[in-house]
Amino acid sequence: MANRETALAFGPEGTLIGVLTEPGTSRPGAAGDVACLLLNVGINHRVGPRRINVKAARQLADAGIASLRFDLSGVGDSRASGGSENFRAQALADMRAALDQLQSATGATRFLLFGICSGAANALILALGDTRVIGLVMLDGYIFPSKGVRIERKLRRWAAFPFNPALRSNYAGWMDWVAWARAPGDAQARGKALGRLLGRASPTSTEDTGLYQANAPDYAAPDFARDINALVARHVDVYMMYSVTINTVDHDRDLMRDLRREPFMSKVRYKFWPEVDHTVTSLAAQRELLGEVCRWAQAIVQPQQDAAPAPLRREAPPLHAGGAEMAGTSAAQ
């Protein structure tokens, strides 16, 4: 029987909008107890870049796993909340409401999460704050590379600079000089370009604007290590994936170099994708990524089917510095 898709409005105010995707009733091996939540990527609509969340939902349904893709408050089709919570606290409340809806609709009591960039940051917050979560995939989430790795990354970018128009357009200084060259008589363009020589211009590149940050920049490596160690101790299956957008190479988990000695490093899954970019542009990359995500989900589901799950209670989210907010360095910095 074909998969089923149902549009939903849910949450305390009925303002959260999502699409529930379920396997056909006659599909063998349906997960039953386990379902998946698919999260927004930045301010993108719930379909995700290149419709990646839609494709993930349907492929998961083909594997017998129900899912819900939805928009956070104020994103896509979901109206802004009438409450006074800050963004991060509201996101956590929205995601918990989504788990409640997914549980009510499917009967699932344990959940997997899939998030890219800011979606990865939100997935981590939800996993820490709700013990119903048993697994999460974070694509281009947080990174903690060593200084040497950062230097190598910059050198590789400089080497590619003359040959890569997309890379050149990512450097504000270069674009300022291009703008002046195109309009030599423009006083503002001239001032910006010459300001570069005097060190007065900001930002130095579009990366410095915070545009690509998964979260605010004060989530330090020790905080991340503490949180991932806590998830591992709770037997949550954590899968950290990184695209080639961050760096063109990865030598033995370079992007977590500062945390190599942490206990969690031998217990989480880690994958560098040299053929996958940040928004999973090519169809081949989409097939690779979604195939891996589905295999990961099925590997988690099977042991859950073989053993009767003990009931889990929901817990309040752990408080970090700054209350309920978590902050950190995104992979795309």
C-alpha atoms as a PDB file:
ATOM      1  CA  MET A   1       0.000   0.000   0.000  1.00  0.00           C
ATOM      2  CA  ALA A   2       1.260   3.506  -0.814  1.00  0.00           C
ATOM      3  CA  ASN A   3       2.692   5.747   1.868  1.00  0.00           C
ATOM      4  CA  ARG A   4       0.311   8.254   3.427  1.00  0.00           C
ATOM      5  CA  GLU A   5       0.969  11.989   3.849  1.00  0.00           C
ATOM      6  CA  THR A   6      -1.217  14.211   6.034  1.00  0.00           C
ATOM      7  CA  ALA A   7      -0.979  17.966   6.595  1.00  0.00           C
ATOM      8  CA  LEU A   8      -1.279  18.897  10.273  1.00  0.00           C
ATOM      9  CA  ALA A   9      -1.777  21.984  12.428  1.00  0.00           C
ATOM     10  CA  PHE A  10      -0.737  21.393  16.028  1.00  0.00           C
ATOM     11  CA  GLY A  11       0.889  22.854  19.125  1.00  0.00           C
ATOM     12  CA  PRO A  12      -0.655  24.754  22.060  1.00  0.00           C
ATOM     13  CA  GLU A  13      -1.912  27.507  19.755  1.00  0.00           C
ATOM     14  CA  GLY A  14      -2.542  25.295  16.734  1.00  0.00           C
ATOM     15  CA  THR A  15      -0.095  27.411  14.732  1.00  0.00           C
ATOM     16  CA  LEU A  16       2.614  24.852  13.967  1.00  0.00           C
ATOM     17  CA  ILE A  17       2.278  23.374  10.483  1.00  0.00           C
ATOM     18  CA  GLY A  18       3.757  20.069   9.381  1.00  0.00           C
ATOM     19  CA  VAL A  19       3.339  17.021   7.180  1.00  0.00           C
ATOM     20  CA  LEU A  20       3.119  13.528   8.638  1.00  0.00           C
ATOM     21  CA  THR A  21       4.440  10.769   6.378  1.00  0.00           C
ATOM     22  CA  GLU A  22       3.501   7.201   7.309  1.00  0.00           C
ATOM     23  CA  PRO A  23       4.217   3.811   5.751  1.00  0.00           C
ATOM     24  CA  GLY A  24       1.348   2.012   4.102  1.00  0.00           C
ATOM     25  CA  THR A  25      -0.587  -0.135   6.585  1.00  0.00           C
ATOM     26  CA  SER A  26       0.426  -3.350   4.833  1.00  0.00           C
ATOM     27  CA  ARG A  27       4.104  -2.469   4.608  1.00  0.00           C
ATOM     28  CA  PRO A  28       6.169  -5.198   6.321  1.00  0.00           C
ATOM     29  CA  GLY A  29       8.601  -4.364   9.090  1.00  0.00           C
ATOM     30  CA  ALA A  30       7.027  -1.039  10.065  1.00  0.00           C
ATOM     31  CA  ALA A  31       8.961   0.518  12.918  1.00  0.00           C
ATOM     32  CA  GLY A  32       5.876   1.171  15.057  1.00  0.00           C
ATOM     33  CA  ASP A  33       7.642   2.245  18.235  1.00  0.00           C
ATOM     34  CA  VAL A  34      10.145   4.549  16.491  1.00  0.00           C
ATOM     35  CA  ALA A  35       9.496   7.629  14.319  1.00  0.00           C
ATOM     36  CA  CYS A  36      11.627  10.464  12.972  1.00  0.00           C
ATOM     37  CA  LEU A  37      11.431  14.260  13.270  1.00  0.00           C
ATOM     38  CA  LEU A  38      12.835  16.292  10.349  1.00  0.00           C
ATOM     39  CA  LEU A  39      13.896  19.842  11.228  1.00  0.00           C
ATOM     40  CA  ASN A  40      14.086  23.197   9.440  1.00  0.00           C
ATOM     41  CA  VAL A  41      17.417  24.230   7.922  1.00  0.00           C
ATOM     42  CA  GLY A  42      17.902  27.860   8.966  1.00  0.00           C
ATOM     43  CA  ILE A  43      14.868  29.855   7.853  1.00  0.00           C
ATOM     44  CA  ASN A  44      14.102  27.448   5.025  1.00  0.00           C
ATOM     45  CA  HIS A  45      10.595  26.039   4.683  1.00  0.00           C
ATOM     46  CA  ARG A  46      10.125  22.545   6.138  1.00  0.00           C
ATOM     47  CA  VAL A  47      10.741  20.882   2.752  1.00  0.00           C
ATOM     48  CA  GLY A  48      14.456  21.644   3.242  1.00  0.00           C
ATOM     49  CA  PRO A  49      17.073  22.581   0.637  1.00  0.00           C
ATOM     50  CA  ARG A  50      16.553  20.628  -2.609  1.00  0.00           C
ATOM     51  CA  ARG A  51      13.414  19.180  -0.904  1.00  0.00           C
ATOM     52  CA  ILE A  52      15.739  16.998   1.158  1.00  0.00           C
ATOM     53  CA  ASN A  53      13.273  16.585   4.049  1.00  0.00           C
ATOM     54  CA  VAL A  54      10.490  15.525   1.687  1.00  0.00           C
ATOM     55  CA  LYS A  55      12.752  12.933   0.090  1.00  0.00           C
ATOM     56  CA  ALA A  56      13.977  11.762   3.500  1.00  0.00           C
ATOM     57  CA  ALA A  57      10.412  11.372   4.769  1.00  0.00           C
ATOM     58  CA  ARG A  58       9.345   9.268   1.802  1.00  0.00           C
ATOM     59  CA  GLN A  59      12.447   7.112   1.868  1.00  0.00           C
ATOM     60  CA  LEU A  60      12.033   6.526   5.596  1.00  0.00           C
ATOM     61  CA  ALA A  61       8.403   5.562   4.998  1.00  0.00           C
ATOM     62  CA  ASP A  62       9.557   3.076   2.369  1.00  0.00           C
ATOM     63  CA  ALA A  63      11.718   1.594   5.145  1.00  0.00           C
ATOM     64  CA  GLY A  64       8.709   1.417   7.472  1.00  0.00           C
ATOM     65  CA  ILE A  65       9.486   4.510   9.564  1.00  0.00           C
ATOM     66  CA  ALA A  66       6.973   7.336  10.030  1.00  0.00           C
ATOM     67  CA  SER A  67       8.186  10.933  10.150  1.00  0.00           C
ATOM     68  CA  LEU A  68       7.033  14.500  10.669  1.00  0.00           C
ATOM     69  CA  ARG A  69       8.558  17.496   8.914  1.00  0.00           C
ATOM     70  CA  PHE A  70       7.355  20.794  10.315  1.00  0.00           C
ATOM     71  CA  ASP A  71       8.073  24.498  10.548  1.00  0.00           C
ATOM     72  CA  LEU A  72       9.211  26.137  13.761  1.00  0.00           C
ATOM     73  CA  SER A  73       7.251  29.171  14.959  1.00  0.00           C
ATOM     74  CA  GLY A  74       7.703  32.081  12.561  1.00  0.00           C
ATOM     75  CA  VAL A  75       9.272  29.910   9.847  1.00  0.00           C
ATOM     76  CA  GLY A  76       7.615  28.690   6.651  1.00  0.00           C
ATOM     77  CA  ASP A  77       3.875  28.162   7.182  1.00  0.00           C
ATOM     78  CA  SER A  78       3.949  28.278  10.997  1.00  0.00           C
ATOM     79  CA  ARG A  79       2.820  31.550  12.518  1.00  0.00           C
ATOM     80  CA  ALA A  80       4.952  33.259  15.144  1.00  0.00           C
ATOM     81  CA  SER A  81       4.141  32.263  18.697  1.00  0.00           C
ATOM     82  CA  GLY A  82       2.134  34.647  20.836  1.00  0.00           C
ATOM     83  CA  GLY A  83       4.399  33.912  23.813  1.00  0.00           C
ATOM     84  CA  SER A  84       7.449  35.784  25.056  1.00  0.00           C
ATOM     85  CA  GLU A  85      10.035  32.988  24.941  1.00  0.00           C
ATOM     86  CA  ASN A  86      13.396  33.659  23.316  1.00  0.00           C
ATOM     87  CA  PHE A  87      14.099  31.943  19.995  1.00  0.00           C
ATOM     88  CA  ARG A  88      15.973  28.949  21.408  1.00  0.00           C
ATOM     89  CA  ALA A  89      13.449  28.255  24.170  1.00  0.00           C
ATOM     90  CA  GLN A  90      10.574  28.605  21.696  1.00  0.00           C
ATOM     91  CA  ALA A  91      12.294  26.214  19.283  1.00  0.00           C
ATOM     92  CA  LEU A  92      12.606  23.622  22.068  1.00  0.00           C
ATOM     93  CA  ALA A  93       8.932  24.036  22.967  1.00  0.00           C
ATOM     94  CA  ASP A  94       7.956  23.686  19.290  1.00  0.00           C
ATOM     95  CA  MET A  95      10.044  20.535  18.824  1.00  0.00           C
ATOM     96  CA  ARG A  96       8.587  18.946  21.946  1.00  0.00           C
ATOM     97  CA  ALA A  97       5.119  19.736  20.650  1.00  0.00           C
ATOM     98  CA  ALA A  98       6.108  18.052  17.379  1.00  0.00           C
ATOM     99  CA  LEU A  99       7.222  14.926  19.258  1.00  0.00           C
ATOM    100  CA  ASP A 100       3.915  14.939  21.141  1.00  0.00           C
ATOM    101  CA  GLN A 101       2.020  15.191  17.842  1.00  0.00           C
ATOM    102  CA  LEU A 102       4.103  12.458  16.240  1.00  0.00           C
ATOM    103  CA  GLN A 103       3.556  10.224  19.262  1.00  0.00           C
ATOM    104  CA  SER A 104      -0.196  10.867  19.259  1.00  0.00           C
ATOM    105  CA  ALA A 105      -0.520  10.249  15.517  1.00  0.00           C
ATOM    106  CA  THR A 106       1.620   7.115  15.238  1.00  0.00           C
ATOM    107  CA  GLY A 107       1.872   5.595  18.709  1.00  0.00           C
ATOM    108  CA  ALA A 108       5.663   5.886  18.567  1.00  0.00           C
ATOM    109  CA  THR A 109       7.377   6.498  21.901  1.00  0.00           C
ATOM    110  CA  ARG A 110      10.999   6.803  20.743  1.00  0.00           C
ATOM    111  CA  PHE A 111      12.308   9.224  18.196  1.00  0.00           C
ATOM    112  CA  LEU A 112      15.093   9.894  15.738  1.00  0.00           C
ATOM    113  CA  LEU A 113      16.117  13.402  14.662  1.00  0.00           C
ATOM    114  CA  PHE A 114      17.614  14.657  11.406  1.00  0.00           C
ATOM    115  CA  GLY A 115      18.972  18.198  11.160  1.00  0.00           C
ATOM    116  CA  ILE A 116      21.317  20.171   8.911  1.00  0.00           C
ATOM    117  CA  CYS A 117      23.273  23.232  10.142  1.00  0.00           C
ATOM    118  CA  SER A 118      20.898  25.109  12.498  1.00  0.00           C
ATOM    119  CA  GLY A 119      18.669  22.039  12.366  1.00  0.00           C
ATOM    120  CA  ALA A 120      21.584  20.033  13.763  1.00  0.00           C
ATOM    121  CA  ALA A 121      21.951  22.542  16.613  1.00  0.00           C
ATOM    122  CA  ASN A 122      18.230  22.292  17.347  1.00  0.00           C
ATOM    123  CA  ALA A 123      18.351  18.497  17.181  1.00  0.00           C
ATOM    124  CA  LEU A 124      21.068  18.494  19.826  1.00  0.00           C
ATOM    125  CA  ILE A 125      19.027  20.758  22.115  1.00  0.00           C
ATOM    126  CA  LEU A 126      15.978  18.522  21.760  1.00  0.00           C
ATOM    127  CA  ALA A 127      17.971  15.344  22.359  1.00  0.00           C
ATOM    128  CA  LEU A 128      19.370  16.830  25.561  1.00  0.00           C
ATOM    129  CA  GLY A 129      15.971  18.035  26.699  1.00  0.00           C
ATOM    130  CA  ASP A 130      13.775  15.035  25.935  1.00  0.00           C
ATOM    131  CA  THR A 131      14.635  11.444  26.791  1.00  0.00           C
ATOM    132  CA  ARG A 132      12.280  10.099  24.136  1.00  0.00           C
ATOM    133  CA  VAL A 133      15.036  10.844  21.621  1.00  0.00           C
ATOM    134  CA  ILE A 134      17.179   7.769  20.948  1.00  0.00           C
ATOM    135  CA  GLY A 135      19.171   8.903  17.927  1.00  0.00           C
ATOM    136  CA  LEU A 136      20.168  12.013  15.985  1.00  0.00           C
ATOM    137  CA  VAL A 137      21.954  12.812  12.746  1.00  0.00           C
ATOM    138  CA  MET A 138      23.688  16.186  12.628  1.00  0.00           C
ATOM    139  CA  LEU A 139      24.939  17.249   9.182  1.00  0.00           C
ATOM    140  CA  ASP A 140      27.302  20.247   9.364  1.00  0.00           C
ATOM    141  CA  GLY A 141      26.550  20.903  13.016  1.00  0.00           C
ATOM    142  CA  TYR A 142      29.198  22.000  15.485  1.00  0.00           C
ATOM    143  CA  ILE A 143      32.926  21.773  14.747  1.00  0.00           C
ATOM    144  CA  PHE A 144      35.931  22.126  17.036  1.00  0.00           C
ATOM    145  CA  PRO A 145      39.033  21.884  14.833  1.00  0.00           C
ATOM    146  CA  SER A 146      42.539  22.661  16.045  1.00  0.00           C
ATOM    147  CA  LYS A 147      44.391  25.836  15.034  1.00  0.00           C
ATOM    148  CA  GLY A 148      46.461  23.787  12.592  1.00  0.00           C
ATOM    149  CA  VAL A 149      43.339  22.523  10.858  1.00  0.00           C
ATOM    150  CA  ARG A 150      42.018  26.075  10.522  1.00  0.00           C
ATOM    151  CA  ILE A 151      45.320  27.226   9.006  1.00  0.00           C
ATOM    152  CA  GLU A 152      45.291  24.347   6.510  1.00  0.00           C
ATOM    153  CA  ARG A 153      41.714  25.208   5.577  1.00  0.00           C
ATOM    154  CA  LYS A 154      42.621  28.827   4.936  1.00  0.00           C
ATOM    155  CA  LEU A 155      45.681  27.896   2.871  1.00  0.00           C
ATOM    156  CA  ARG A 156      43.606  25.577   0.706  1.00  0.00           C
ATOM    157  CA  ARG A 157      41.074  28.339   0.146  1.00  0.00           C
ATOM    158  CA  TRP A 158      43.773  30.818  -0.837  1.00  0.00           C
ATOM    159  CA  ALA A 159      45.184  28.296  -3.307  1.00  0.00           C
ATOM    160  CA  ALA A 160      41.743  27.853  -4.890  1.00  0.00           C
ATOM    161  CA  PHE A 161      40.902  31.569  -4.828  1.00  0.00           C
ATOM    162  CA  PRO A 162      42.022  32.447  -8.395  1.00  0.00           C
ATOM    163  CA  PHE A 163      40.095  29.545  -9.916  1.00  0.00           C
ATOM    164  CA  ASN A 164      36.846  29.507  -7.924  1.00  0.00           C
ATOM    165  CA  PRO A 165      34.301  32.326  -8.497  1.00  0.00           C
ATOM    166  CA  ALA A 166      32.038  31.099  -5.688  1.00  0.00           C
ATOM    167  CA  LEU A 167      34.938  31.259  -3.240  1.00  0.00           C
ATOM    168  CA  ARG A 168      35.867  34.780  -4.352  1.00  0.00           C
ATOM    169  CA  SER A 169      32.307  35.970  -3.851  1.00  0.00           C
ATOM    170  CA  ASN A 170      32.484  34.744  -0.255  1.00  0.00           C
ATOM    171  CA  TYR A 171      35.179  37.294   0.653  1.00  0.00           C
ATOM    172  CA  ALA A 172      33.807  40.742   1.405  1.00  0.00           C
ATOM    173  CA  GLY A 173      37.170  42.419   0.715  1.00  0.00           C
ATOM    174  CA  TRP A 174      37.346  41.031  -2.802  1.00  0.00           C
ATOM    175  CA  MET A 175      33.767  42.076  -3.506  1.00  0.00           C
ATOM    176  CA  ASP A 176      34.482  45.613  -2.256  1.00  0.00           C
ATOM    177  CA  TRP A 177      37.373  45.954  -4.702  1.00  0.00           C
ATOM    178  CA  VAL A 178      35.271  44.512  -7.535  1.00  0.00           C
ATOM    179  CA  ALA A 179      32.492  47.007  -6.761  1.00  0.00           C
ATOM    180  CA  TRP A 180      34.958  49.926  -6.918  1.00  0.00           C
ATOM    181  CA  ALA A 181      36.462  48.648 -10.178  1.00  0.00           C
ATOM    182  CA  ARG A 182      33.004  48.550 -11.712  1.00  0.00           C
ATOM    183  CA  ALA A 183      32.154  52.072 -10.517  1.00  0.00           C
ATOM    184  CA  PRO A 184      35.414  54.071 -10.151  1.00  0.00           C
ATOM    185  CA  GLY A 185      33.522  57.285  -9.474  1.00  0.00           C
ATOM    186  CA  ASP A 186      31.435  55.868  -6.605  1.00  0.00           C
ATOM    187  CA  ALA A 187      32.786  57.516  -3.428  1.00  0.00           C
ATOM    188  CA  GLN A 188      31.178  54.946  -1.132  1.00  0.00           C
ATOM    189  CA  ALA A 189      32.639  52.009  -3.075  1.00  0.00           C
ATOM    190  CA  ARG A 190      36.055  53.688  -3.074  1.00  0.00           C
ATOM    191  CA  GLY A 191      35.883  54.307   0.677  1.00  0.00           C
ATOM    192  CA  LYS A 192      35.009  50.692   1.422  1.00  0.00           C
ATOM    193  CA  ALA A 193      37.769  49.329  -0.808  1.00  0.00           C
ATOM    194  CA  LEU A 194      40.455  51.655   0.562  1.00  0.00           C
ATOM    195  CA  GLY A 195      39.248  50.966   4.081  1.00  0.00           C
ATOM    196  CA  ARG A 196      40.450  47.423   3.610  1.00  0.00           C
ATOM    197  CA  LEU A 197      44.006  48.660   3.283  1.00  0.00           C
ATOM    198  CA  LEU A 198      43.717  50.494   6.608  1.00  0.00           C
ATOM    199  CA  GLY A 199      42.074  47.610   8.424  1.00  0.00           C
ATOM    200  CA  ARG A 200      38.891  49.570   9.080  1.00  0.00           C
ATOM    201  CA  ALA A 201      36.449  47.490   7.063  1.00  0.00           C
ATOM    202  CA  SER A 202      34.254  44.773   8.542  1.00  0.00           C
ATOM    203  CA  PRO A 203      33.448  41.971   8.050  1.00  0.00           C
ATOM    204  CA  THR A 204      36.495  40.383   6.449  1.00  0.00           C
ATOM    205  CA  SER A 205      34.301  37.739   4.810  1.00  0.00           C
ATOM    206  CA  THR A 206      30.656  36.749   4.720  1.00  0.00           C
ATOM    207  CA  GLU A 207      31.491  34.030   7.232  1.00  0.00           C
ATOM    208  CA  ASP A 208      32.119  36.737   9.838  1.00  0.00           C
ATOM    209  CA  THR A 209      28.570  38.067   9.593  1.00  0.00           C
ATOM    210  CA  GLY A 210      27.212  35.063  11.497  1.00  0.00           C
ATOM    211  CA  LEU A 211      25.051  34.190   8.481  1.00  0.00           C
ATOM    212  CA  TYR A 212      26.213  30.567   8.549  1.00  0.00           C
ATOM    213  CA  GLN A 213      26.226  30.091  12.315  1.00  0.00           C
ATOM    214  CA  ALA A 214      24.124  27.260  13.663  1.00  0.00           C
ATOM    215  CA  ASN A 215      23.847  29.141  16.932  1.00  0.00           C
ATOM    216  CA  ALA A 216      25.429  31.950  18.944  1.00  0.00           C
ATOM    217  CA  PRO A 217      29.238  31.753  19.217  1.00  0.00           C
ATOM    218  CA  ASP A 218      29.801  30.986  22.905  1.00  0.00           C
ATOM    219  CA  TYR A 219      29.108  27.245  22.997  1.00  0.00           C
ATOM    220  CA  ALA A 220      32.612  26.075  23.819  1.00  0.00           C
ATOM    221  CA  ALA A 221      34.217  22.698  23.176  1.00  0.00           C
ATOM    222  CA  PRO A 222      33.966  21.605  26.853  1.00  0.00           C
ATOM    223  CA  ASP A 223      30.217  22.307  26.810  1.00  0.00           C
ATOM    224  CA  PHE A 224      29.764  20.298  23.629  1.00  0.00           C
ATOM    225  CA  ALA A 225      31.849  17.434  25.042  1.00  0.00           C
ATOM    226  CA  ARG A 226      29.811  17.407  28.248  1.00  0.00           C
ATOM    227  CA  ASP A 227      26.545  17.275  26.315  1.00  0.00           C
ATOM    228  CA  ILE A 228      27.571  14.569  23.847  1.00  0.00           C
ATOM    229  CA  ASN A 229      29.047  12.475  26.660  1.00  0.00           C
ATOM    230  CA  ALA A 230      25.693  12.783  28.438  1.00  0.00           C
ATOM    231  CA  LEU A 231      23.819  11.564  25.347  1.00  0.00           C
ATOM    232  CA  VAL A 232      26.210   8.658  24.872  1.00  0.00           C
ATOM    233  CA  ALA A 233      25.746   7.699  28.538  1.00  0.00           C
ATOM    234  CA  ARG A 234      22.006   7.666  27.847  1.00  0.00           C
ATOM    235  CA  HIS A 235      22.655   5.314  24.885  1.00  0.00           C
ATOM    236  CA  VAL A 236      21.550   7.866  22.284  1.00  0.00           C
ATOM    237  CA  ASP A 237      22.950   7.010  18.845  1.00  0.00           C
ATOM    238  CA  VAL A 238      24.769  10.179  17.721  1.00  0.00           C
ATOM    239  CA  TYR A 239      25.851  10.503  14.078  1.00  0.00           C
ATOM    240  CA  MET A 240      27.994  13.540  13.198  1.00  0.00           C
ATOM    241  CA  MET A 241      28.248  14.116   9.441  1.00  0.00           C
ATOM    242  CA  TYR A 242      30.240  16.834   7.685  1.00  0.00           C
ATOM    243  CA  SER A 243      30.081  18.019   4.091  1.00  0.00           C
ATOM    244  CA  VAL A 244      32.931  19.103   1.856  1.00  0.00           C
ATOM    245  CA  THR A 245      31.708  22.701   2.269  1.00  0.00           C
ATOM    246  CA  ILE A 246      33.572  22.944   5.572  1.00  0.00           C
ATOM    247  CA  ASN A 247      36.904  21.741   4.246  1.00  0.00           C
ATOM    248  CA  THR A 248      38.011  19.759   1.215  1.00  0.00           C
ATOM    249  CA  VAL A 249      39.785  17.098   3.288  1.00  0.00           C
ATOM    250  CA  ASP A 250      39.430  15.464   6.671  1.00  0.00           C
ATOM    251  CA  HIS A 251      42.359  13.646   8.287  1.00  0.00           C
ATOM    252  CA  ASP A 252      41.059  11.292  10.960  1.00  0.00           C
ATOM    253  CA  ARG A 253      38.210  13.417  12.364  1.00  0.00           C
ATOM    254  CA  ASP A 254      39.940  16.755  11.901  1.00  0.00           C
ATOM    255  CA  LEU A 255      36.746  18.676  12.510  1.00  0.00           C
ATOM    256  CA  MET A 256      36.667  17.349  16.078  1.00  0.00           C
ATOM    257  CA  ARG A 257      40.435  17.554  16.571  1.00  0.00           C
ATOM    258  CA  ASP A 258      40.154  19.558  19.821  1.00  0.00           C
ATOM    259  CA  LEU A 259      37.974  16.808  21.339  1.00  0.00           C
ATOM    260  CA  ARG A 260      39.813  13.709  20.173  1.00  0.00           C
ATOM    261  CA  ARG A 261      40.562  12.569  23.725  1.00  0.00           C
ATOM    262  CA  GLU A 262      36.970  12.811  24.869  1.00  0.00           C
ATOM    263  CA  PRO A 263      35.270   9.513  25.795  1.00  0.00           C
ATOM    264  CA  PHE A 264      32.425  10.068  23.361  1.00  0.00           C
ATOM    265  CA  MET A 265      34.692  10.081  20.326  1.00  0.00           C
ATOM    266  CA  SER A 266      34.979   6.292  20.291  1.00  0.00           C
ATOM    267  CA  LYS A 267      31.221   5.878  20.724  1.00  0.00           C
ATOM    268  CA  VAL A 268      29.655   8.228  18.174  1.00  0.00           C
ATOM    269  CA  ARG A 269      29.405   7.772  14.430  1.00  0.00           C
ATOM    270  CA  TYR A 270      31.408  10.220  12.336  1.00  0.00           C
ATOM    271  CA  LYS A 271      31.448  10.662   8.571  1.00  0.00           C
ATOM    272  CA  PHE A 272      33.092  13.164   6.249  1.00  0.00           C
ATOM    273  CA  TRP A 273      31.382  13.461   2.858  1.00  0.00           C
ATOM    274  CA  PRO A 274      33.814  14.611   0.123  1.00  0.00           C
ATOM    275  CA  GLU A 275      31.002  14.358  -2.440  1.00  0.00           C
ATOM    276  CA  VAL A 276      28.260  16.148  -0.435  1.00  0.00           C
ATOM    277  CA  ASP A 277      27.944  19.934  -0.122  1.00  0.00           C
ATOM    278  CA  HIS A 278      26.137  21.887   2.606  1.00  0.00           C
ATOM    279  CA  THR A 279      22.755  21.948   0.868  1.00  0.00           C
ATOM    280  CA  VAL A 280      23.142  18.530  -0.827  1.00  0.00           C
ATOM    281  CA  THR A 281      22.939  19.940  -4.343  1.00  0.00           C
ATOM    282  CA  SER A 282      23.482  16.986  -6.672  1.00  0.00           C
ATOM    283  CA  LEU A 283      21.080  14.078  -7.042  1.00  0.00           C
ATOM    284  CA  ALA A 284      23.967  11.662  -6.514  1.00  0.00           C
ATOM    285  CA  ALA A 285      24.824  13.359  -3.209  1.00  0.00           C
ATOM    286  CA  GLN A 286      21.184  13.187  -2.140  1.00  0.00           C
ATOM    287  CA  ARG A 287      21.061   9.467  -2.867  1.00  0.00           C
ATOM    288  CA  GLU A 288      24.257   8.880  -0.884  1.00  0.00           C
ATOM    289  CA  LEU A 289      23.133  10.929   2.107  1.00  0.00           C
ATOM    290  CA  LEU A 290      19.559   9.659   2.299  1.00  0.00           C
ATOM    291  CA  GLY A 291      20.667   6.088   1.802  1.00  0.00           C
ATOM    292  CA  GLU A 292      23.033   6.402   4.742  1.00  0.00           C
ATOM    293  CA  VAL A 293      20.410   8.084   6.937  1.00  0.00           C
ATOM    294  CA  CYS A 294      17.896   5.332   6.199  1.00  0.00           C
ATOM    295  CA  ARG A 295      20.415   2.580   6.878  1.00  0.00           C
ATOM    296  CA  TRP A 296      21.280   4.280  10.171  1.00  0.00           C
ATOM    297  CA  ALA A 297      17.608   4.557  11.131  1.00  0.00           C
ATOM    298  CA  GLN A 298      16.892   0.929  10.279  1.00  0.00           C
ATOM    299  CA  ALA A 299      19.904  -0.227  12.296  1.00  0.00           C
ATOM    300  CA  ILE A 300      18.450   1.560  15.333  1.00  0.00           C
ATOM    301  CA  VAL A 301      14.895   0.385  14.746  1.00  0.00           C
ATOM    302  CA  GLN A 302      15.661  -3.329  14.477  1.00  0.00           C
ATOM    303  CA  PRO A 303      16.992  -3.777  18.040  1.00  0.00           C
ATOM    304  CA  GLN A 304      14.015  -1.747  19.274  1.00  0.00           C
ATOM    305  CA  GLN A 305      11.671  -4.208  17.571  1.00  0.00           C
ATOM    306  CA  ASP A 306      13.459  -7.163  19.119  1.00  0.00           C
ATOM    307  CA  ALA A 307      13.074  -5.924  22.705  1.00  0.00           C
ATOM    308  CA  ALA A 308      10.073  -4.475  24.520  1.00  0.00           C
ATOM    309  CA  PRO A 309      10.949  -0.848  25.322  1.00  0.00           C
ATOM    310  CA  ALA A 310      10.774   0.407  28.873  1.00  0.00           C
ATOM    311  CA  PRO A 311       8.691   3.580  29.291  1.00  0.00           C
ATOM    312  CA  LEU A 312      10.725   6.773  29.302  1.00  0.00           C
ATOM    313  CA  ARG A 313       9.760   9.928  31.118  1.00  0.00           C
ATOM    314  CA  ARG A 314      10.334  13.402  29.767  1.00  0.00           C
ATOM    315  CA  GLU A 315      12.782  15.589  31.595  1.00  0.00           C
ATOM    316  CA  ALA A 316      13.316  19.329  31.696  1.00  0.00           C
ATOM    317  CA  PRO A 317      16.119  20.553  29.430  1.00  0.00           C
ATOM    318  CA  PRO A 318      19.511  20.997  31.091  1.00  0.00           C
ATOM    319  CA  LEU A 319      20.329  24.610  31.826  1.00  0.00           C
ATOM    320  CA  HIS A 320      23.498  26.021  30.353  1.00  0.00           C
ATOM    321  CA  ALA A 321      25.147  29.359  30.818  1.00  0.00           C
ATOM    322  CA  GLY A 322      22.583  31.882  29.658  1.00  0.00           C
ATOM    323  CA  GLY A 323      19.556  29.849  30.801  1.00  0.00           C
ATOM    324  CA  ALA A 324      17.842  27.664  28.228  1.00  0.00           C
ATOM    325  CA  GLU A 325      19.943  28.982  25.380  1.00  0.00           C
ATOM    326  CA  MET A 326      22.796  26.985  23.907  1.00  0.00           C
ATOM    327  CA  ALA A 327      25.384  28.550  21.693  1.00  0.00           C
ATOM    328  CA  GLY A 328      28.255  27.321  19.599  1.00  0.00           C
ATOM    329  CA  THR A 329      30.410  27.420  16.514  1.00  0.00           C
ATOM    330  CA  SER A 330      28.712  26.133  13.395  1.00  0.00           C
ATOM    331  CA  ALA A 331      30.299  23.863  10.885  1.00  0.00           C
ATOM    332  CA  ALA A 332      29.960  26.411   8.119  1.00  0.00           C
ATOM    333  CA  GLN A 333      32.074  29.048   9.835  1.00  0.00           C
END
